């Protein structure tokens, strides 16, 4: 994996964190995945170890959970 992946669900906490992540690591270094709009990515996020959003999956496979916005159970609805 060459880019980090930022998973979020569109809530205000997630949107704020998205802006901060893009500002910190650069738009070219992160793929943004809005799980509310692309529900097919929920399984990939869970497999990677994402337990809540917003979360950043780093390029080396570590998951950084950033400020609690919603659990994956909430995202799956």
N, C-alpha and C. Protein backbone atom coordinates (compact mmCIF):
# COMPACT_ATOMS: atom_id res chain seq x y z
N UNK A 1 0.86 -1.16 0.00
CA UNK A 1 0.00 0.00 0.00
C UNK A 1 0.91 1.23 0.00
N UNK A 2 0.71 2.12 -0.94
CA UNK A 2 1.57 3.30 -1.04
C UNK A 2 1.00 4.51 -0.32
N UNK A 3 -0.30 4.64 -0.28
CA UNK A 3 -0.94 5.78 0.38
C UNK A 3 -1.58 5.33 1.69
N UNK A 4 -1.69 6.27 2.60
CA UNK A 4 -2.50 6.03 3.78
C UNK A 4 -3.96 6.16 3.36
N UNK A 5 -4.86 5.55 4.13
CA UNK A 5 -6.29 5.65 3.85
C UNK A 5 -6.98 6.24 5.07
N UNK A 6 -7.72 7.32 4.86
CA UNK A 6 -8.48 7.95 5.93
C UNK A 6 -9.94 7.54 5.78
N UNK A 7 -10.44 6.80 6.77
CA UNK A 7 -11.83 6.35 6.77
C UNK A 7 -12.66 7.27 7.66
N UNK A 8 -13.82 7.67 7.16
CA UNK A 8 -14.73 8.47 7.98
C UNK A 8 -16.16 8.25 7.54
N UNK A 9 -17.09 8.83 8.32
CA UNK A 9 -18.52 8.62 8.05
C UNK A 9 -19.26 9.92 7.77
N UNK A 10 -18.54 11.02 7.66
CA UNK A 10 -19.18 12.27 7.28
C UNK A 10 -19.67 13.14 8.41
N UNK A 11 -19.50 12.71 9.65
CA UNK A 11 -19.95 13.52 10.79
C UNK A 11 -19.01 14.72 10.95
N UNK A 12 -19.42 15.73 11.71
CA UNK A 12 -18.56 16.90 11.90
C UNK A 12 -17.17 16.58 12.45
N UNK A 13 -17.08 15.63 13.39
CA UNK A 13 -15.78 15.21 13.93
C UNK A 13 -14.92 14.65 12.81
N UNK A 14 -15.52 13.82 11.95
CA UNK A 14 -14.79 13.19 10.84
C UNK A 14 -14.32 14.21 9.82
N UNK A 15 -15.19 15.14 9.47
CA UNK A 15 -14.84 16.16 8.47
C UNK A 15 -13.69 17.03 8.99
N UNK A 16 -13.75 17.41 10.24
CA UNK A 16 -12.68 18.21 10.84
C UNK A 16 -11.36 17.44 10.81
N UNK A 17 -11.41 16.16 11.20
CA UNK A 17 -10.20 15.33 11.18
C UNK A 17 -9.68 15.15 9.76
N UNK A 18 -10.58 15.01 8.78
CA UNK A 18 -10.17 14.87 7.38
C UNK A 18 -9.34 16.08 6.95
N UNK A 19 -9.82 17.27 7.25
CA UNK A 19 -9.10 18.49 6.88
C UNK A 19 -7.72 18.53 7.55
N UNK A 20 -7.66 18.14 8.81
CA UNK A 20 -6.39 18.14 9.52
C UNK A 20 -5.41 17.13 8.93
N UNK A 21 -5.90 15.94 8.62
CA UNK A 21 -5.04 14.90 8.04
C UNK A 21 -4.50 15.34 6.69
N UNK A 22 -5.36 15.87 5.84
CA UNK A 22 -4.92 16.35 4.51
C UNK A 22 -3.88 17.45 4.68
N UNK A 23 -4.10 18.37 5.61
CA UNK A 23 -3.13 19.45 5.85
C UNK A 23 -1.80 18.91 6.39
N UNK A 24 -1.86 17.87 7.20
CA UNK A 24 -0.64 17.32 7.81
C UNK A 24 0.19 16.48 6.84
N UNK A 25 -0.47 15.58 6.11
CA UNK A 25 0.32 14.65 5.29
C UNK A 25 0.19 14.90 3.79
N UNK A 26 -0.71 15.78 3.40
CA UNK A 26 -0.83 16.13 1.99
C UNK A 26 -1.85 15.29 1.25
N UNK A 27 -2.59 15.95 0.40
CA UNK A 27 -3.67 15.31 -0.36
C UNK A 27 -3.17 14.16 -1.24
N UNK A 28 -1.94 14.26 -1.74
CA UNK A 28 -1.38 13.22 -2.61
C UNK A 28 -0.96 11.97 -1.84
N UNK A 29 -0.91 12.06 -0.51
CA UNK A 29 -0.43 10.94 0.30
C UNK A 29 -1.53 10.18 1.03
N UNK A 30 -2.77 10.60 0.82
CA UNK A 30 -3.88 9.95 1.53
C UNK A 30 -5.08 9.79 0.62
N UNK A 31 -5.70 8.63 0.72
CA UNK A 31 -6.96 8.36 0.03
C UNK A 31 -8.07 8.55 1.06
N UNK A 32 -9.08 9.33 0.71
CA UNK A 32 -10.20 9.58 1.61
C UNK A 32 -11.34 8.62 1.26
N UNK A 33 -11.82 7.89 2.25
CA UNK A 33 -12.93 6.96 2.05
C UNK A 33 -14.06 7.34 3.01
N UNK A 34 -15.15 7.83 2.43
CA UNK A 34 -16.36 8.18 3.19
C UNK A 34 -17.23 6.93 3.23
N UNK A 35 -17.26 6.25 4.37
CA UNK A 35 -17.98 4.98 4.47
C UNK A 35 -19.49 5.13 4.35
N UNK A 36 -20.01 6.31 4.60
CA UNK A 36 -21.44 6.54 4.42
C UNK A 36 -21.82 6.60 2.95
N UNK A 37 -20.88 7.04 2.12
CA UNK A 37 -21.13 7.12 0.68
C UNK A 37 -20.65 5.90 -0.07
N UNK A 38 -19.65 5.20 0.46
CA UNK A 38 -19.10 4.01 -0.20
C UNK A 38 -19.11 2.86 0.79
N UNK A 39 -20.29 2.33 1.03
CA UNK A 39 -20.48 1.28 2.02
C UNK A 39 -19.74 0.00 1.67
N UNK A 40 -19.37 -0.17 0.41
CA UNK A 40 -18.63 -1.37 0.01
C UNK A 40 -17.24 -1.42 0.65
N UNK A 41 -16.77 -0.30 1.18
CA UNK A 41 -15.44 -0.24 1.80
C UNK A 41 -15.46 -0.56 3.30
N UNK A 42 -16.64 -0.76 3.87
CA UNK A 42 -16.74 -1.05 5.30
C UNK A 42 -15.99 -2.33 5.64
N UNK A 43 -16.18 -3.38 4.87
CA UNK A 43 -15.51 -4.65 5.14
C UNK A 43 -13.99 -4.49 5.09
N UNK A 44 -13.48 -3.75 4.08
CA UNK A 44 -12.03 -3.52 3.98
C UNK A 44 -11.51 -2.79 5.21
N UNK A 45 -12.27 -1.81 5.68
CA UNK A 45 -11.87 -1.06 6.87
C UNK A 45 -11.81 -1.98 8.09
N UNK A 46 -12.82 -2.82 8.24
CA UNK A 46 -12.84 -3.74 9.38
C UNK A 46 -11.70 -4.74 9.30
N UNK A 47 -11.43 -5.27 8.13
CA UNK A 47 -10.32 -6.22 7.95
C UNK A 47 -8.99 -5.56 8.33
N UNK A 48 -8.86 -4.29 8.00
CA UNK A 48 -7.63 -3.56 8.31
C UNK A 48 -7.49 -3.27 9.80
N UNK A 49 -8.59 -3.40 10.56
CA UNK A 49 -8.54 -3.17 12.00
C UNK A 49 -9.23 -1.91 12.47
N UNK A 50 -9.95 -1.23 11.58
CA UNK A 50 -10.67 -0.02 11.96
C UNK A 50 -11.84 -0.42 12.86
N UNK A 51 -11.87 0.18 14.06
CA UNK A 51 -12.94 -0.10 15.02
C UNK A 51 -13.89 1.07 15.19
N UNK A 52 -13.43 2.25 14.82
CA UNK A 52 -14.26 3.44 14.89
C UNK A 52 -13.73 4.45 13.87
N UNK A 53 -14.56 5.41 13.54
CA UNK A 53 -14.14 6.47 12.63
C UNK A 53 -14.24 7.80 13.34
N UNK A 54 -13.41 8.74 12.99
CA UNK A 54 -12.41 8.72 11.93
C UNK A 54 -11.19 7.89 12.32
N UNK A 55 -10.58 7.29 11.30
CA UNK A 55 -9.38 6.48 11.51
C UNK A 55 -8.48 6.59 10.29
N UNK A 56 -7.19 6.52 10.53
CA UNK A 56 -6.20 6.57 9.47
C UNK A 56 -5.47 5.25 9.43
N UNK A 57 -5.54 4.58 8.29
CA UNK A 57 -4.77 3.38 8.04
C UNK A 57 -3.48 3.84 7.39
N UNK A 58 -2.36 3.70 8.09
CA UNK A 58 -1.09 4.20 7.58
C UNK A 58 -0.58 3.32 6.45
N UNK A 59 0.37 3.83 5.72
CA UNK A 59 0.92 3.10 4.58
C UNK A 59 1.62 1.81 5.00
N UNK A 60 2.00 1.69 6.27
CA UNK A 60 2.61 0.43 6.72
C UNK A 60 1.62 -0.47 7.46
N UNK A 61 0.33 -0.14 7.42
CA UNK A 61 -0.71 -1.02 7.94
C UNK A 61 -1.18 -0.77 9.35
N UNK A 62 -0.67 0.26 10.01
CA UNK A 62 -1.15 0.59 11.35
C UNK A 62 -2.44 1.40 11.26
N UNK A 63 -3.34 1.17 12.20
CA UNK A 63 -4.58 1.94 12.26
C UNK A 63 -4.48 2.93 13.41
N UNK A 64 -4.66 4.20 13.08
CA UNK A 64 -4.67 5.26 14.08
C UNK A 64 -6.10 5.76 14.23
N UNK A 65 -6.70 5.48 15.38
CA UNK A 65 -8.06 5.94 15.64
C UNK A 65 -7.97 7.37 16.16
N UNK A 66 -8.69 8.26 15.50
CA UNK A 66 -8.58 9.69 15.77
C UNK A 66 -9.89 10.19 16.36
N UNK A 67 -9.86 10.69 17.57
CA UNK A 67 -11.04 11.30 18.17
C UNK A 67 -12.30 10.49 17.83
N UNK A 68 -12.98 9.98 18.78
CA UNK A 68 -14.12 9.11 18.52
C UNK A 68 -15.28 9.85 17.87
N UNK A 69 -15.68 9.40 16.69
CA UNK A 69 -16.84 9.95 16.00
C UNK A 69 -18.00 8.96 15.98
N UNK A 70 -17.70 7.71 15.58
CA UNK A 70 -18.73 6.67 15.52
C UNK A 70 -18.06 5.30 15.48
N UNK A 71 -18.68 4.33 16.12
CA UNK A 71 -18.18 2.96 16.04
C UNK A 71 -18.52 2.37 14.68
N UNK A 72 -17.84 1.30 14.31
CA UNK A 72 -18.14 0.66 13.03
C UNK A 72 -19.56 0.08 13.06
N UNK A 73 -20.04 -0.34 14.23
CA UNK A 73 -21.43 -0.82 14.35
C UNK A 73 -22.40 0.28 13.99
N UNK A 74 -22.11 1.50 14.43
CA UNK A 74 -22.96 2.64 14.08
C UNK A 74 -22.90 2.93 12.58
N UNK A 75 -21.71 2.82 12.01
CA UNK A 75 -21.55 3.09 10.57
C UNK A 75 -22.34 2.06 9.76
N UNK A 76 -22.28 0.81 10.18
CA UNK A 76 -23.00 -0.25 9.44
C UNK A 76 -24.51 -0.11 9.59
N UNK A 77 -24.92 0.56 10.67
CA UNK A 77 -26.34 0.82 10.89
C UNK A 77 -27.10 -0.39 11.17
